[in-house]
């Protein structure tokens, strides 16, 4: 059902220093910041030959990563994103298997302009999982 790893997301308190570290220290290509108000974050993508790293900065007071950063003030891995061909079929199969889909269960449009869903970390070894339709 799942395809390739699309990205690993890292929550950071501020994009500026994190972008500088990836760009200047590691020599990575970094996208421009992109506000995602529906998800409560501003993101940048670090382009790697085989995947991407997504840096997440809180956007607004109700950001879902605020609590994460309170527990891990310097940031850390927030979620992994896997590609799926049909997000509705994947959602339905997962729900039948007992996995919990976060939110309403309906896909939202993610930072790549494609439908995404998040799966409860307690169902996936403590890891928040994002599915993105490709």
Protein backbone atom coordinates (compact mmCIF):
# COMPACT_ATOMS: atom_id res chain seq x y z
CA UNK A 1 0.00 0.00 0.00
CA UNK A 2 2.64 2.60 0.94
CA UNK A 3 5.07 3.79 -1.66
CA UNK A 4 8.32 5.60 -1.29
CA UNK A 5 9.34 7.87 1.56
CA UNK A 6 8.33 11.37 0.48
CA UNK A 7 9.89 13.33 3.34
CA UNK A 8 10.91 13.43 6.97
CA UNK A 9 9.55 16.47 8.81
CA UNK A 10 11.55 18.22 11.50
CA UNK A 11 9.87 20.75 13.78
CA UNK A 12 12.07 23.77 14.54
CA UNK A 13 11.46 26.82 16.72
CA UNK A 14 12.76 29.15 13.96
CA UNK A 15 13.31 28.42 10.28
CA UNK A 16 16.17 30.92 9.83
CA UNK A 17 18.89 29.12 11.82
CA UNK A 18 17.74 25.68 10.63
CA UNK A 19 17.77 26.79 6.97
CA UNK A 20 21.24 28.30 7.42
CA UNK A 21 22.57 25.05 8.88
CA UNK A 22 21.24 22.93 6.02
CA UNK A 23 22.17 25.45 3.30
CA UNK A 24 25.46 26.86 4.56
CA UNK A 25 26.88 24.03 6.66
CA UNK A 26 25.60 20.99 4.77
CA UNK A 27 25.44 22.59 1.30
CA UNK A 28 21.84 21.57 0.68
CA UNK A 29 19.37 23.20 -1.71
CA UNK A 30 16.56 24.80 0.30
CA UNK A 31 13.18 26.01 -0.99
CA UNK A 32 11.63 29.35 -0.12
CA UNK A 33 9.43 29.42 3.00
CA UNK A 34 5.80 28.56 2.35
CA UNK A 35 3.04 29.42 4.82
CA UNK A 36 0.47 26.64 5.27
CA UNK A 37 -2.28 28.27 7.37
CA UNK A 38 -4.58 25.22 7.13
CA UNK A 39 -1.86 23.19 8.86
CA UNK A 40 -0.60 25.92 11.22
CA UNK A 41 2.99 25.83 9.96
CA UNK A 42 5.46 27.53 7.68
CA UNK A 43 7.58 25.02 5.77
CA UNK A 44 10.72 24.81 3.71
CA UNK A 45 11.93 21.73 1.87
CA UNK A 46 15.51 20.52 1.79
CA UNK A 47 15.99 18.74 -1.54
CA UNK A 48 18.02 15.53 -1.32
CA UNK A 49 18.80 13.09 -4.14
CA UNK A 50 16.51 10.39 -2.73
CA UNK A 51 13.92 12.28 -0.62
CA UNK A 52 13.23 15.60 1.11
CA UNK A 53 13.50 17.02 4.60
CA UNK A 54 10.63 19.31 5.57
CA UNK A 55 11.38 21.93 8.21
CA UNK A 56 8.28 23.08 10.12
CA UNK A 57 7.99 26.34 12.04
CA UNK A 58 4.84 27.18 14.04
CA UNK A 59 2.46 29.58 12.28
CA UNK A 60 0.08 31.33 14.64
CA UNK A 61 -0.97 30.58 18.19
CA UNK A 62 -2.93 27.43 17.37
CA UNK A 63 -0.09 25.63 15.59
CA UNK A 64 -0.20 21.86 16.09
CA UNK A 65 3.59 21.78 16.54
CA UNK A 66 3.62 24.20 19.48
CA UNK A 67 3.10 21.42 22.03
CA UNK A 68 5.80 19.34 20.32
CA UNK A 69 8.28 22.22 20.63
CA UNK A 70 7.33 22.76 24.27
CA UNK A 71 8.43 19.17 24.93
CA UNK A 72 11.48 19.46 22.63
CA UNK A 73 12.47 23.15 22.59
CA UNK A 74 15.33 22.72 20.12
CA UNK A 75 13.10 20.75 17.73
CA UNK A 76 13.23 17.24 16.39
CA UNK A 77 11.66 14.73 14.03
CA UNK A 78 7.94 15.40 13.90
CA UNK A 79 6.63 12.92 11.28
CA UNK A 80 7.45 10.78 8.28
CA UNK A 81 5.49 11.01 5.05
CA UNK A 82 4.84 8.05 2.76
CA UNK A 83 3.35 8.22 -0.69
CA UNK A 84 0.16 6.35 -1.59
CA UNK A 85 -1.56 6.04 -4.96
CA UNK A 86 -5.11 6.39 -3.65
CA UNK A 87 -5.45 8.19 -0.32
CA UNK A 88 -9.13 7.30 0.15
CA UNK A 89 -8.50 3.59 -0.46
CA UNK A 90 -5.49 3.74 1.89
CA UNK A 91 -7.56 5.51 4.57
CA UNK A 92 -10.38 2.99 4.32
CA UNK A 93 -8.01 0.02 4.49
CA UNK A 94 -6.21 1.47 7.50
CA UNK A 95 -9.45 2.21 9.35
CA UNK A 96 -10.63 -1.38 8.74
CA UNK A 97 -7.35 -2.54 10.27
CA UNK A 98 -7.99 -0.42 13.38
CA UNK A 99 -5.62 2.47 12.62
CA UNK A 100 -6.80 5.91 13.69
CA UNK A 101 -6.86 8.73 11.16
CA UNK A 102 -6.44 12.13 12.80
CA UNK A 103 -8.83 15.02 12.32
CA UNK A 104 -12.05 14.48 10.43
CA UNK A 105 -10.61 11.63 8.36
CA UNK A 106 -11.02 13.68 5.21
CA UNK A 107 -7.82 14.57 3.32
CA UNK A 108 -6.54 18.15 3.36
CA UNK A 109 -4.31 19.68 0.73
CA UNK A 110 -0.70 19.60 1.89
CA UNK A 111 2.38 21.69 1.12
CA UNK A 112 2.90 19.92 -2.23
CA UNK A 113 -0.66 20.72 -3.34
CA UNK A 114 -1.71 17.07 -2.95
CA UNK A 115 -4.17 15.38 -0.55
CA UNK A 116 -2.70 14.31 2.81
CA UNK A 117 -3.85 12.51 5.95
CA UNK A 118 -2.17 11.94 9.30
CA UNK A 119 -2.26 8.70 11.28
CA UNK A 120 -2.16 8.45 15.08
CA UNK A 121 1.38 7.85 16.38
CA UNK A 122 0.18 5.33 18.97
CA UNK A 123 -0.80 3.04 16.11
CA UNK A 124 2.64 3.30 14.41
CA UNK A 125 5.29 2.70 17.05
CA UNK A 126 5.16 6.24 18.39
CA UNK A 127 5.64 7.85 14.97
CA UNK A 128 3.23 10.35 13.47
CA UNK A 129 2.68 9.20 9.89
CA UNK A 130 1.53 11.40 7.02
CA UNK A 131 0.18 9.84 3.84
CA UNK A 132 0.36 11.87 0.62
CA UNK A 133 -1.42 10.91 -2.57
CA UNK A 134 0.86 10.97 -5.62
